[in-house]
Amino acid sequence: MLRWFRIVAVAEACSWAGLLVGMFFKYVTATGDFGVKVFGPIHGAMFVLYAIGVMLSAREAGWSRGAVVLGLACAVPPFTSLWFERRMAARTAATQPA
């Protein structure tokens, strides 16, 4: 499950990047909204998958409520899903026997 969570966290961050680029072209250069139309739904799906991944990974790894809330909050600012995934991967690795 944690491997799947890593993949979803990276995909969510990549979809953020695509959406931000699309928003740049839509609002800054005013050259069209194609990027937003493409990456908006993709990012929405990745956002939902990331939230589900946080909940399932928390159940499997025994994360605290605070960690779950932090993980869900990290879905909102761009690219923080990567930071959270790395943080929890390090914590999980540190608690597992050698």
C-alpha atoms as a PDB file:
ATOM      1  CA  MET A   1       0.000   0.000   0.000  1.00  0.00           C
ATOM      2  CA  LEU A   2       2.799   2.433   0.811  1.00  0.00           C
ATOM      3  CA  ARG A   3       4.336   1.878  -2.629  1.00  0.00           C
ATOM      4  CA  TRP A   4       0.978   2.687  -4.233  1.00  0.00           C
ATOM      5  CA  PHE A   5       0.748   5.786  -2.018  1.00  0.00           C
ATOM      6  CA  ARG A   6       4.170   6.934  -3.248  1.00  0.00           C
ATOM      7  CA  ILE A   7       3.054   6.594  -6.876  1.00  0.00           C
ATOM      8  CA  VAL A   8      -0.165   8.501  -6.222  1.00  0.00           C
ATOM      9  CA  ALA A   9       1.672  11.276  -4.321  1.00  0.00           C
ATOM     10  CA  VAL A  10       4.074  11.775  -7.236  1.00  0.00           C
ATOM     11  CA  ALA A  11       1.219  11.686  -9.756  1.00  0.00           C
ATOM     12  CA  GLU A  12      -0.698  14.263  -7.704  1.00  0.00           C
ATOM     13  CA  ALA A  13       2.331  16.570  -7.722  1.00  0.00           C
ATOM     14  CA  CYS A  14       2.803  16.116 -11.473  1.00  0.00           C
ATOM     15  CA  SER A  15      -0.852  16.917 -12.080  1.00  0.00           C
ATOM     16  CA  TRP A  16      -0.380  20.074  -9.976  1.00  0.00           C
ATOM     17  CA  ALA A  17       2.529  21.061 -12.229  1.00  0.00           C
ATOM     18  CA  GLY A  18       0.434  20.517 -15.349  1.00  0.00           C
ATOM     19  CA  LEU A  19      -2.457  22.482 -13.908  1.00  0.00           C
ATOM     20  CA  LEU A  20      -0.200  25.363 -12.868  1.00  0.00           C
ATOM     21  CA  VAL A  21       1.311  25.517 -16.359  1.00  0.00           C
ATOM     22  CA  GLY A  22      -2.182  25.456 -17.841  1.00  0.00           C
ATOM     23  CA  MET A  23      -3.259  28.259 -15.520  1.00  0.00           C
ATOM     24  CA  PHE A  24      -0.204  30.292 -16.523  1.00  0.00           C
ATOM     25  CA  PHE A  25      -1.155  30.056 -20.178  1.00  0.00           C
ATOM     26  CA  LYS A  26      -4.803  30.765 -19.453  1.00  0.00           C
ATOM     27  CA  TYR A  27      -4.426  33.727 -17.107  1.00  0.00           C
ATOM     28  CA  VAL A  28      -0.982  35.238 -17.744  1.00  0.00           C
ATOM     29  CA  THR A  29      -0.456  34.843 -21.472  1.00  0.00           C
ATOM     30  CA  ALA A  30      -4.197  34.594 -22.278  1.00  0.00           C
ATOM     31  CA  THR A  31      -3.491  32.069 -25.044  1.00  0.00           C
ATOM     32  CA  GLY A  32      -6.277  29.667 -24.190  1.00  0.00           C
ATOM     33  CA  ASP A  33      -7.534  27.327 -21.542  1.00  0.00           C
ATOM     34  CA  PHE A  34      -6.614  23.976 -23.111  1.00  0.00           C
ATOM     35  CA  GLY A  35      -4.134  23.124 -20.317  1.00  0.00           C
ATOM     36  CA  VAL A  36      -6.708  23.807 -17.620  1.00  0.00           C
ATOM     37  CA  LYS A  37      -9.334  21.736 -19.437  1.00  0.00           C
ATOM     38  CA  VAL A  38      -6.901  18.822 -19.683  1.00  0.00           C
ATOM     39  CA  PHE A  39      -5.134  18.981 -16.329  1.00  0.00           C
ATOM     40  CA  GLY A  40      -8.076  20.163 -14.226  1.00  0.00           C
ATOM     41  CA  PRO A  41      -9.918  16.830 -14.299  1.00  0.00           C
ATOM     42  CA  ILE A  42      -6.659  14.875 -14.090  1.00  0.00           C
ATOM     43  CA  HIS A  43      -5.636  16.806 -11.000  1.00  0.00           C
ATOM     44  CA  GLY A  44      -9.094  16.360  -9.491  1.00  0.00           C
ATOM     45  CA  ALA A  45      -8.826  12.599  -9.891  1.00  0.00           C
ATOM     46  CA  MET A  46      -5.289  12.547  -8.473  1.00  0.00           C
ATOM     47  CA  PHE A  47      -6.433  14.685  -5.545  1.00  0.00           C
ATOM     48  CA  VAL A  48      -9.149  12.163  -4.689  1.00  0.00           C
ATOM     49  CA  LEU A  49      -6.780   9.199  -5.128  1.00  0.00           C
ATOM     50  CA  TYR A  50      -4.216  10.917  -2.902  1.00  0.00           C
ATOM     51  CA  ALA A  51      -6.807  11.458  -0.148  1.00  0.00           C
ATOM     52  CA  ILE A  52      -7.849   7.807  -0.383  1.00  0.00           C
ATOM     53  CA  GLY A  53      -4.172   6.831  -0.329  1.00  0.00           C
ATOM     54  CA  VAL A  54      -3.590   8.807   2.854  1.00  0.00           C
ATOM     55  CA  MET A  55      -6.487   7.082   4.569  1.00  0.00           C
ATOM     56  CA  LEU A  56      -5.539   3.564   3.450  1.00  0.00           C
ATOM     57  CA  SER A  57      -1.836   4.030   4.158  1.00  0.00           C
ATOM     58  CA  ALA A  58      -2.621   5.450   7.589  1.00  0.00           C
ATOM     59  CA  ARG A  59      -4.653   2.378   8.412  1.00  0.00           C
ATOM     60  CA  GLU A  60      -1.919   0.016   7.209  1.00  0.00           C
ATOM     61  CA  ALA A  61       1.042   1.840   8.771  1.00  0.00           C
ATOM     62  CA  GLY A  62      -0.701   2.981  11.965  1.00  0.00           C
ATOM     63  CA  TRP A  63      -0.272   6.724  11.465  1.00  0.00           C
ATOM     64  CA  SER A  64      -1.649   9.064  14.104  1.00  0.00           C
ATOM     65  CA  ARG A  65      -4.689  11.253  13.534  1.00  0.00           C
ATOM     66  CA  GLY A  66      -2.394  14.246  13.327  1.00  0.00           C
ATOM     67  CA  ALA A  67      -0.406  12.593  10.552  1.00  0.00           C
ATOM     68  CA  VAL A  68      -3.614  11.860   8.656  1.00  0.00           C
ATOM     69  CA  VAL A  69      -4.802  15.462   8.994  1.00  0.00           C
ATOM     70  CA  LEU A  70      -1.384  16.717   7.881  1.00  0.00           C
ATOM     71  CA  GLY A  71      -1.413  14.328   4.930  1.00  0.00           C
ATOM     72  CA  LEU A  72      -4.832  15.479   3.830  1.00  0.00           C
ATOM     73  CA  ALA A  73      -3.836  19.133   4.251  1.00  0.00           C
ATOM     74  CA  CYS A  74      -0.756  18.498   2.112  1.00  0.00           C
ATOM     75  CA  ALA A  75      -3.033  17.775  -0.841  1.00  0.00           C
ATOM     76  CA  VAL A  76      -3.919  21.459  -1.076  1.00  0.00           C
ATOM     77  CA  PRO A  77      -0.627  23.414  -1.506  1.00  0.00           C
ATOM     78  CA  PRO A  78       1.267  22.491  -4.675  1.00  0.00           C
ATOM     79  CA  PHE A  79       3.892  19.743  -4.339  1.00  0.00           C
ATOM     80  CA  THR A  80       3.549  19.193  -0.589  1.00  0.00           C
ATOM     81  CA  SER A  81       2.239  15.696  -1.237  1.00  0.00           C
ATOM     82  CA  LEU A  82       5.843  14.816  -2.146  1.00  0.00           C
ATOM     83  CA  TRP A  83       7.153  16.206   1.134  1.00  0.00           C
ATOM     84  CA  PHE A  84       4.533  14.328   3.140  1.00  0.00           C
ATOM     85  CA  GLU A  85       5.138  11.038   1.344  1.00  0.00           C
ATOM     86  CA  ARG A  86       8.888  11.297   1.976  1.00  0.00           C
ATOM     87  CA  ARG A  87       8.334  12.191   5.623  1.00  0.00           C
ATOM     88  CA  MET A  88       6.061   9.232   6.243  1.00  0.00           C
ATOM     89  CA  ALA A  89       8.292   6.840   4.271  1.00  0.00           C
ATOM     90  CA  ALA A  90      11.224   7.854   6.476  1.00  0.00           C
ATOM     91  CA  ARG A  91       9.170   7.421   9.646  1.00  0.00           C
ATOM     92  CA  THR A  92       7.928   4.017   8.541  1.00  0.00           C
ATOM     93  CA  ALA A  93      11.436   2.880   7.638  1.00  0.00           C
ATOM     94  CA  ALA A  94      12.753   4.085  11.002  1.00  0.00           C
ATOM     95  CA  THR A  95      10.163   2.103  12.951  1.00  0.00           C
ATOM     96  CA  GLN A  96      10.596  -1.164  11.061  1.00  0.00           C
ATOM     97  CA  PRO A  97      13.059  -3.701  12.467  1.00  0.00           C
ATOM     98  CA  ALA A  98      16.329  -4.138  10.593  1.00  0.00           C
END
